[in-house]
Amino acid sequence: MKLSDAKAFLGHQVHVCRYREAGTLLRWMGEDLRGKRVLDVAGGDGYWAGRAAKRGAEAVSIDLARRKMLYGRTLTHAPPLIESDALTLPFADAAFDAVLSVCAIEHFDDGGRSLDEMGRVLKPGGEILMSADVLSRADEWPKLRDAHRSKYSVKHTYTHESLGELLGDRGLDLVDHSYQFRGRAAERLYLSLSAYGGRIGFNAAAPLTPLVALADRRAPNERGSIVLIRARRRF
């Protein structure tokens, strides 16, 4: 394994939330993606688009972070990486069977505009599989909340209801949703890691992943730190 592949694996899969988050979105997308065109919006180094490509998809990733994309081109299973703004996608209408976006919309000034574009390039019957920051209890810990928002340039937060409404206005129906870090202790862990730990902290906390997943299964699926969304474009 190349050093760049090992670093990508650590950053994306040895992570207390990212593997479970993106892994769920890919599971919803399907194990066999042969013949499918998949777009990853704000996909950074293209790692998760590359996972879709390994399942047979014709996958492409867009982002504005050139440094991440240059790094992504060194990966063994690098998909095509295109420098592009998520608010003005350089693709034709109905060009993709699925659109993936992992915790990106909260960083956009205009989340609705990004959903306009995702919906525009999606074929009828195609699906958007995305996640977003919720931070349901963040006001309980204002210092952690503010540190997280500042560090990761979080401009908006969402719930499955608010995203469902935005998607519905754009001709997409909410099919499924799932929250992660649902309990109070789990959400504080997430905010603490993001505020003070960064990628190293999230990776160091990876042994806690089974405990967080178990706690999530036992808690109501109604709030948490991150929401995962599956929505389908109407015919």
C-alpha atoms as a PDB file:
ATOM      1  CA  MET A   1       0.000   0.000   0.000  1.00  0.00           C
ATOM      2  CA  LYS A   2       1.323   3.441  -0.950  1.00  0.00           C
ATOM      3  CA  LEU A   3       1.894   5.966   1.827  1.00  0.00           C
ATOM      4  CA  SER A   4      -0.824   8.225   0.389  1.00  0.00           C
ATOM      5  CA  ASP A   5      -3.305   5.332   0.417  1.00  0.00           C
ATOM      6  CA  ALA A   6      -2.419   4.524   4.040  1.00  0.00           C
ATOM      7  CA  LYS A   7      -2.899   8.158   5.071  1.00  0.00           C
ATOM      8  CA  ALA A   8      -6.243   8.294   3.260  1.00  0.00           C
ATOM      9  CA  PHE A   9      -7.369   5.094   4.953  1.00  0.00           C
ATOM     10  CA  LEU A  10      -6.463   6.517   8.360  1.00  0.00           C
ATOM     11  CA  GLY A  11      -8.165   9.818   7.647  1.00  0.00           C
ATOM     12  CA  HIS A  12     -11.374   8.383   6.230  1.00  0.00           C
ATOM     13  CA  GLN A  13     -11.863   4.946   7.756  1.00  0.00           C
ATOM     14  CA  VAL A  14      -9.990   4.964  11.076  1.00  0.00           C
ATOM     15  CA  HIS A  15     -12.238   7.769  12.307  1.00  0.00           C
ATOM     16  CA  VAL A  16     -14.827   7.722  15.063  1.00  0.00           C
ATOM     17  CA  CYS A  17     -17.617   8.920  12.758  1.00  0.00           C
ATOM     18  CA  ARG A  18     -16.574   9.290   9.099  1.00  0.00           C
ATOM     19  CA  TYR A  19     -16.453   5.616   8.140  1.00  0.00           C
ATOM     20  CA  ARG A  20     -19.831   4.897   9.704  1.00  0.00           C
ATOM     21  CA  GLU A  21     -21.254   8.065   8.168  1.00  0.00           C
ATOM     22  CA  ALA A  22     -20.003   7.651   4.604  1.00  0.00           C
ATOM     23  CA  GLY A  23     -20.320   3.870   4.858  1.00  0.00           C
ATOM     24  CA  THR A  24     -24.037   4.192   5.560  1.00  0.00           C
ATOM     25  CA  LEU A  25     -24.505   6.533   2.594  1.00  0.00           C
ATOM     26  CA  LEU A  26     -22.682   4.074   0.329  1.00  0.00           C
ATOM     27  CA  ARG A  27     -24.746   1.186   1.690  1.00  0.00           C
ATOM     28  CA  TRP A  28     -27.900   3.095   0.837  1.00  0.00           C
ATOM     29  CA  MET A  29     -26.452   3.693  -2.637  1.00  0.00           C
ATOM     30  CA  GLY A  30     -25.970  -0.044  -3.186  1.00  0.00           C
ATOM     31  CA  GLU A  31     -23.260  -2.697  -3.343  1.00  0.00           C
ATOM     32  CA  ASP A  32     -23.394  -3.143  -7.128  1.00  0.00           C
ATOM     33  CA  LEU A  33     -23.070   0.208  -8.897  1.00  0.00           C
ATOM     34  CA  ARG A  34     -22.166  -1.076 -12.340  1.00  0.00           C
ATOM     35  CA  GLY A  35     -23.643   1.144 -15.041  1.00  0.00           C
ATOM     36  CA  LYS A  36     -24.312   3.973 -12.571  1.00  0.00           C
ATOM     37  CA  ARG A  37     -22.923   7.483 -12.771  1.00  0.00           C
ATOM     38  CA  VAL A  38     -22.129   8.937  -9.346  1.00  0.00           C
ATOM     39  CA  LEU A  39     -21.128  12.480  -8.415  1.00  0.00           C
ATOM     40  CA  ASP A  40     -19.486  13.325  -5.081  1.00  0.00           C
ATOM     41  CA  VAL A  41     -20.113  16.995  -4.273  1.00  0.00           C
ATOM     42  CA  ALA A  42     -17.346  18.667  -2.266  1.00  0.00           C
ATOM     43  CA  GLY A  43     -15.582  15.327  -2.175  1.00  0.00           C
ATOM     44  CA  GLY A  44     -12.151  16.663  -1.184  1.00  0.00           C
ATOM     45  CA  ASP A  45      -9.537  14.111  -2.204  1.00  0.00           C
ATOM     46  CA  GLY A  46     -12.192  11.916  -3.857  1.00  0.00           C
ATOM     47  CA  TYR A  47     -11.746   9.015  -1.465  1.00  0.00           C
ATOM     48  CA  TRP A  48     -15.442   8.137  -1.177  1.00  0.00           C
ATOM     49  CA  ALA A  49     -16.033   8.580  -4.896  1.00  0.00           C
ATOM     50  CA  GLY A  50     -13.218   6.093  -5.293  1.00  0.00           C
ATOM     51  CA  ARG A  51     -15.095   3.639  -3.036  1.00  0.00           C
ATOM     52  CA  ALA A  52     -18.136   4.025  -5.301  1.00  0.00           C
ATOM     53  CA  ALA A  53     -15.916   3.376  -8.318  1.00  0.00           C
ATOM     54  CA  LYS A  54     -14.676   0.152  -6.692  1.00  0.00           C
ATOM     55  CA  ARG A  55     -18.324  -0.962  -6.655  1.00  0.00           C
ATOM     56  CA  GLY A  56     -18.496  -0.438 -10.394  1.00  0.00           C
ATOM     57  CA  ALA A  57     -19.727   3.138 -10.654  1.00  0.00           C
ATOM     58  CA  GLU A  58     -18.498   5.723 -13.103  1.00  0.00           C
ATOM     59  CA  ALA A  59     -17.722   8.176 -10.311  1.00  0.00           C
ATOM     60  CA  VAL A  60     -16.431  11.741 -10.316  1.00  0.00           C
ATOM     61  CA  SER A  61     -15.638  14.118  -7.450  1.00  0.00           C
ATOM     62  CA  ILE A  62     -15.771  17.928  -7.434  1.00  0.00           C
ATOM     63  CA  ASP A  63     -14.267  20.346  -4.940  1.00  0.00           C
ATOM     64  CA  LEU A  64     -12.598  23.749  -4.714  1.00  0.00           C
ATOM     65  CA  ALA A  65      -9.805  22.601  -2.382  1.00  0.00           C
ATOM     66  CA  ARG A  66      -7.009  22.174  -4.911  1.00  0.00           C
ATOM     67  CA  ARG A  67      -4.525  20.895  -2.327  1.00  0.00           C
ATOM     68  CA  LYS A  68      -6.862  18.050  -1.359  1.00  0.00           C
ATOM     69  CA  MET A  69      -7.495  17.216  -4.992  1.00  0.00           C
ATOM     70  CA  LEU A  70      -3.790  17.137  -5.844  1.00  0.00           C
ATOM     71  CA  TYR A  71      -3.332  14.734  -2.945  1.00  0.00           C
ATOM     72  CA  GLY A  72      -6.311  12.675  -4.129  1.00  0.00           C
ATOM     73  CA  ARG A  73      -4.707  12.188  -7.535  1.00  0.00           C
ATOM     74  CA  THR A  74      -1.917  10.222  -5.842  1.00  0.00           C
ATOM     75  CA  LEU A  75      -4.352   7.602  -4.520  1.00  0.00           C
ATOM     76  CA  THR A  76      -4.449   4.193  -6.181  1.00  0.00           C
ATOM     77  CA  HIS A  77      -8.185   4.290  -6.890  1.00  0.00           C
ATOM     78  CA  ALA A  78      -8.466   8.008  -7.614  1.00  0.00           C
ATOM     79  CA  PRO A  79     -11.634   8.979  -9.502  1.00  0.00           C
ATOM     80  CA  PRO A  80     -11.687  11.949 -11.886  1.00  0.00           C
ATOM     81  CA  LEU A  81     -11.275  15.063  -9.725  1.00  0.00           C
ATOM     82  CA  ILE A  82     -12.705  18.313 -11.058  1.00  0.00           C
ATOM     83  CA  GLU A  83     -12.141  21.744  -9.564  1.00  0.00           C
ATOM     84  CA  SER A  84     -15.617  23.210  -9.372  1.00  0.00           C
ATOM     85  CA  ASP A  85     -17.983  25.181  -7.153  1.00  0.00           C
ATOM     86  CA  ALA A  86     -20.815  23.084  -5.712  1.00  0.00           C
ATOM     87  CA  LEU A  87     -23.197  25.980  -6.413  1.00  0.00           C
ATOM     88  CA  THR A  88     -22.535  25.920 -10.173  1.00  0.00           C
ATOM     89  CA  LEU A  89     -21.908  22.311 -11.175  1.00  0.00           C
ATOM     90  CA  PRO A  90     -20.329  21.911 -14.643  1.00  0.00           C
ATOM     91  CA  PHE A  91     -22.610  19.059 -15.733  1.00  0.00           C
ATOM     92  CA  ALA A  92     -25.695  18.668 -17.881  1.00  0.00           C
ATOM     93  CA  ASP A  93     -29.163  18.191 -16.444  1.00  0.00           C
ATOM     94  CA  ALA A  94     -29.985  14.608 -15.396  1.00  0.00           C
ATOM     95  CA  ALA A  95     -26.365  13.483 -15.850  1.00  0.00           C
ATOM     96  CA  PHE A  96     -26.062  11.276 -12.745  1.00  0.00           C
ATOM     97  CA  ASP A  97     -27.839   8.330 -11.156  1.00  0.00           C
ATOM     98  CA  ALA A  98     -26.728   9.290  -7.644  1.00  0.00           C
ATOM     99  CA  VAL A  99     -25.238  12.295  -5.892  1.00  0.00           C
ATOM    100  CA  LEU A 100     -23.129  11.821  -2.764  1.00  0.00           C
ATOM    101  CA  SER A 101     -22.190  14.642  -0.383  1.00  0.00           C
ATOM    102  CA  VAL A 102     -20.550  13.961   2.981  1.00  0.00           C
ATOM    103  CA  CYS A 103     -20.967  16.766   5.545  1.00  0.00           C
ATOM    104  CA  ALA A 104     -20.572  19.573   2.998  1.00  0.00           C
ATOM    105  CA  ILE A 105     -23.811  21.563   2.860  1.00  0.00           C
ATOM    106  CA  GLU A 106     -23.251  23.159   6.266  1.00  0.00           C
ATOM    107  CA  HIS A 107     -20.181  24.934   4.853  1.00  0.00           C
ATOM    108  CA  PHE A 108     -22.030  26.593   1.961  1.00  0.00           C
ATOM    109  CA  ASP A 109     -23.336  30.141   2.169  1.00  0.00           C
ATOM    110  CA  ASP A 110     -26.427  29.051   0.251  1.00  0.00           C
ATOM    111  CA  GLY A 111     -27.365  25.449   1.017  1.00  0.00           C
ATOM    112  CA  GLY A 112     -30.544  25.727  -1.024  1.00  0.00           C
ATOM    113  CA  ARG A 113     -28.560  26.684  -4.111  1.00  0.00           C
ATOM    114  CA  SER A 114     -26.348  23.632  -3.694  1.00  0.00           C
ATOM    115  CA  LEU A 115     -29.460  21.433  -3.509  1.00  0.00           C
ATOM    116  CA  ASP A 116     -30.777  23.139  -6.649  1.00  0.00           C
ATOM    117  CA  GLU A 117     -27.644  22.017  -8.442  1.00  0.00           C
ATOM    118  CA  MET A 118     -27.585  18.507  -6.978  1.00  0.00           C
ATOM    119  CA  GLY A 119     -31.206  18.021  -7.983  1.00  0.00           C
ATOM    120  CA  ARG A 120     -30.633  19.476 -11.447  1.00  0.00           C
ATOM    121  CA  VAL A 121     -27.872  17.010 -12.377  1.00  0.00           C
ATOM    122  CA  LEU A 122     -29.793  14.031 -10.958  1.00  0.00           C
ATOM    123  CA  LYS A 123     -31.836  11.722 -13.194  1.00  0.00           C
ATOM    124  CA  PRO A 124     -35.522  11.118 -12.380  1.00  0.00           C
ATOM    125  CA  GLY A 125     -35.595   8.278  -9.889  1.00  0.00           C
ATOM    126  CA  GLY A 126     -32.002   8.996  -8.888  1.00  0.00           C
ATOM    127  CA  GLU A 127     -30.985   9.596  -5.295  1.00  0.00           C
ATOM    128  CA  ILE A 128     -29.142  12.171  -3.234  1.00  0.00           C
ATOM    129  CA  LEU A 129     -27.241  10.618  -0.326  1.00  0.00           C
ATOM    130  CA  MET A 130     -25.879  13.260   1.961  1.00  0.00           C
ATOM    131  CA  SER A 131     -24.993  14.148   5.532  1.00  0.00           C
ATOM    132  CA  ALA A 132     -24.977  17.426   7.412  1.00  0.00           C
ATOM    133  CA  ASP A 133     -24.149  18.919  10.780  1.00  0.00           C
ATOM    134  CA  VAL A 134     -27.116  19.115  13.171  1.00  0.00           C
ATOM    135  CA  LEU A 135     -25.499  19.769  16.574  1.00  0.00           C
ATOM    136  CA  SER A 136     -28.858  19.361  18.298  1.00  0.00           C
ATOM    137  CA  ARG A 137     -27.584  20.191  21.796  1.00  0.00           C
ATOM    138  CA  ALA A 138     -24.725  22.505  20.866  1.00  0.00           C
ATOM    139  CA  ASP A 139     -26.218  25.441  22.753  1.00  0.00           C
ATOM    140  CA  GLU A 140     -25.575  23.529  25.991  1.00  0.00           C
ATOM    141  CA  TRP A 141     -21.826  23.913  25.386  1.00  0.00           C
ATOM    142  CA  PRO A 142     -21.375  27.304  23.687  1.00  0.00           C
ATOM    143  CA  LYS A 143     -17.573  27.224  23.786  1.00  0.00           C
ATOM    144  CA  LEU A 144     -17.468  23.823  22.089  1.00  0.00           C
ATOM    145  CA  ARG A 145     -20.151  24.926  19.617  1.00  0.00           C
ATOM    146  CA  ASP A 146     -18.315  28.108  18.677  1.00  0.00           C
ATOM    147  CA  ALA A 147     -14.961  26.319  18.419  1.00  0.00           C
ATOM    148  CA  HIS A 148     -16.463  23.690  16.121  1.00  0.00           C
ATOM    149  CA  ARG A 149     -18.177  26.232  13.903  1.00  0.00           C
ATOM    150  CA  SER A 150     -15.076  28.391  13.650  1.00  0.00           C
ATOM    151  CA  LYS A 151     -12.652  25.538  13.057  1.00  0.00           C
ATOM    152  CA  TYR A 152     -14.742  23.901  10.333  1.00  0.00           C
ATOM    153  CA  SER A 153     -16.415  27.028   8.889  1.00  0.00           C
ATOM    154  CA  VAL A 154     -19.913  25.756   9.711  1.00  0.00           C
ATOM    155  CA  LYS A 155     -22.360  28.370   8.429  1.00  0.00           C
ATOM    156  CA  HIS A 156     -25.675  26.530   8.838  1.00  0.00           C
ATOM    157  CA  THR A 157     -26.970  23.429  10.583  1.00  0.00           C
ATOM    158  CA  TYR A 158     -29.842  21.197   9.475  1.00  0.00           C
ATOM    159  CA  THR A 159     -32.243  18.512  10.631  1.00  0.00           C
ATOM    160  CA  HIS A 160     -33.954  15.801   8.618  1.00  0.00           C
ATOM    161  CA  GLU A 161     -37.115  17.929   8.723  1.00  0.00           C
ATOM    162  CA  SER A 162     -35.438  21.077   7.402  1.00  0.00           C
ATOM    163  CA  LEU A 163     -33.519  19.175   4.731  1.00  0.00           C
ATOM    164  CA  GLY A 164     -36.649  17.215   3.822  1.00  0.00           C
ATOM    165  CA  GLU A 165     -38.504  20.482   3.270  1.00  0.00           C
ATOM    166  CA  LEU A 166     -35.718  21.966   1.166  1.00  0.00           C
ATOM    167  CA  LEU A 167     -35.472  18.783  -0.900  1.00  0.00           C
ATOM    168  CA  GLY A 168     -39.234  18.526  -1.292  1.00  0.00           C
ATOM    169  CA  ASP A 169     -39.350  22.033  -2.741  1.00  0.00           C
ATOM    170  CA  ARG A 170     -36.902  20.808  -5.372  1.00  0.00           C
ATOM    171  CA  GLY A 171     -38.782  17.706  -6.438  1.00  0.00           C
ATOM    172  CA  LEU A 172     -37.039  15.202  -4.145  1.00  0.00           C
ATOM    173  CA  ASP A 173     -38.742  13.016  -1.572  1.00  0.00           C
ATOM    174  CA  LEU A 174     -37.106  11.988   1.698  1.00  0.00           C
ATOM    175  CA  VAL A 175     -36.717   8.184   1.699  1.00  0.00           C
ATOM    176  CA  ASP A 176     -34.667   7.592   4.845  1.00  0.00           C
ATOM    177  CA  HIS A 177     -32.703   9.407   7.510  1.00  0.00           C
ATOM    178  CA  SER A 178     -30.441   8.500  10.401  1.00  0.00           C
ATOM    179  CA  TYR A 179     -28.805  10.525  13.159  1.00  0.00           C
ATOM    180  CA  GLN A 180     -25.369   9.828  14.590  1.00  0.00           C
ATOM    181  CA  PHE A 181     -24.102  10.763  18.066  1.00  0.00           C
ATOM    182  CA  ARG A 182     -27.717  10.781  19.225  1.00  0.00           C
ATOM    183  CA  GLY A 183     -27.269  10.841  22.990  1.00  0.00           C
ATOM    184  CA  ARG A 184     -26.137  13.802  25.085  1.00  0.00           C
ATOM    185  CA  ALA A 185     -22.814  12.190  26.100  1.00  0.00           C
ATOM    186  CA  ALA A 186     -22.111  11.116  22.522  1.00  0.00           C
ATOM    187  CA  GLU A 187     -22.829  14.580  21.190  1.00  0.00           C
ATOM    188  CA  ARG A 188     -20.529  16.183  23.730  1.00  0.00           C
ATOM    189  CA  LEU A 189     -17.828  13.693  22.729  1.00  0.00           C
ATOM    190  CA  TYR A 190     -18.258  14.679  19.084  1.00  0.00           C
ATOM    191  CA  LEU A 191     -18.035  18.405  19.812  1.00  0.00           C
ATOM    192  CA  SER A 192     -15.061  17.947  22.147  1.00  0.00           C
ATOM    193  CA  LEU A 193     -13.160  15.942  19.564  1.00  0.00           C
ATOM    194  CA  SER A 194     -13.918  18.429  16.815  1.00  0.00           C
ATOM    195  CA  ALA A 195     -13.004  21.421  18.961  1.00  0.00           C
ATOM    196  CA  TYR A 196      -9.791  20.076  20.481  1.00  0.00           C
ATOM    197  CA  GLY A 197      -8.787  16.897  18.728  1.00  0.00           C
ATOM    198  CA  GLY A 198      -9.032  17.446  14.991  1.00  0.00           C
ATOM    199  CA  ARG A 199      -8.333  14.461  12.764  1.00  0.00           C
ATOM    200  CA  ILE A 200      -5.844  13.037  15.266  1.00  0.00           C
ATOM    201  CA  GLY A 201      -8.433  13.117  18.011  1.00  0.00           C
ATOM    202  CA  PHE A 202     -11.147  11.577  15.860  1.00  0.00           C
ATOM    203  CA  ASN A 203      -8.762   8.790  14.855  1.00  0.00           C
ATOM    204  CA  ALA A 204      -7.545   8.254  18.429  1.00  0.00           C
ATOM    205  CA  ALA A 205     -11.192   7.884  19.492  1.00  0.00           C
ATOM    206  CA  ALA A 206     -11.838   5.211  16.858  1.00  0.00           C
ATOM    207  CA  PRO A 207     -12.008   2.392  19.490  1.00  0.00           C
ATOM    208  CA  LEU A 208     -15.119   4.117  20.831  1.00  0.00           C
ATOM    209  CA  THR A 209     -16.953   3.670  17.508  1.00  0.00           C
ATOM    210  CA  PRO A 210     -18.757   0.423  18.503  1.00  0.00           C
ATOM    211  CA  LEU A 211     -19.902   2.015  21.752  1.00  0.00           C
ATOM    212  CA  VAL A 212     -21.208   5.105  19.960  1.00  0.00           C
ATOM    213  CA  ALA A 213     -22.976   2.929  17.384  1.00  0.00           C
ATOM    214  CA  LEU A 214     -24.565   0.844  20.135  1.00  0.00           C
ATOM    215  CA  ALA A 215     -25.680   3.958  22.001  1.00  0.00           C
ATOM    216  CA  ASP A 216     -27.163   5.334  18.787  1.00  0.00           C
ATOM    217  CA  ARG A 217     -29.177   2.166  18.196  1.00  0.00           C
ATOM    218  CA  ARG A 218     -30.664   2.489  21.677  1.00  0.00           C
ATOM    219  CA  ALA A 219     -31.542   6.200  21.367  1.00  0.00           C
ATOM    220  CA  PRO A 220     -34.460   7.703  19.440  1.00  0.00           C
ATOM    221  CA  ASN A 221     -33.618   8.571  15.852  1.00  0.00           C
ATOM    222  CA  GLU A 222     -34.677  12.183  16.224  1.00  0.00           C
ATOM    223  CA  ARG A 223     -31.577  14.268  16.998  1.00  0.00           C
ATOM    224  CA  GLY A 224     -27.785  14.131  17.236  1.00  0.00           C
ATOM    225  CA  SER A 225     -24.605  15.700  15.867  1.00  0.00           C
ATOM    226  CA  ILE A 226     -24.881  14.531  12.258  1.00  0.00           C
ATOM    227  CA  VAL A 227     -27.894  13.626  10.109  1.00  0.00           C
ATOM    228  CA  LEU A 228     -27.729  11.268   7.126  1.00  0.00           C
ATOM    229  CA  ILE A 229     -30.297  11.751   4.377  1.00  0.00           C
ATOM    230  CA  ARG A 230     -31.510   9.638   1.480  1.00  0.00           C
ATOM    231  CA  ALA A 231     -33.802  11.405  -0.988  1.00  0.00           C
ATOM    232  CA  ARG A 232     -35.177  10.368  -4.389  1.00  0.00           C
ATOM    233  CA  ARG A 233     -35.944  12.581  -7.362  1.00  0.00           C
ATOM    234  CA  ARG A 234     -39.522  12.363  -8.579  1.00  0.00           C
ATOM    235  CA  PHE A 235     -40.221  11.088 -12.077  1.00  0.00           C
END
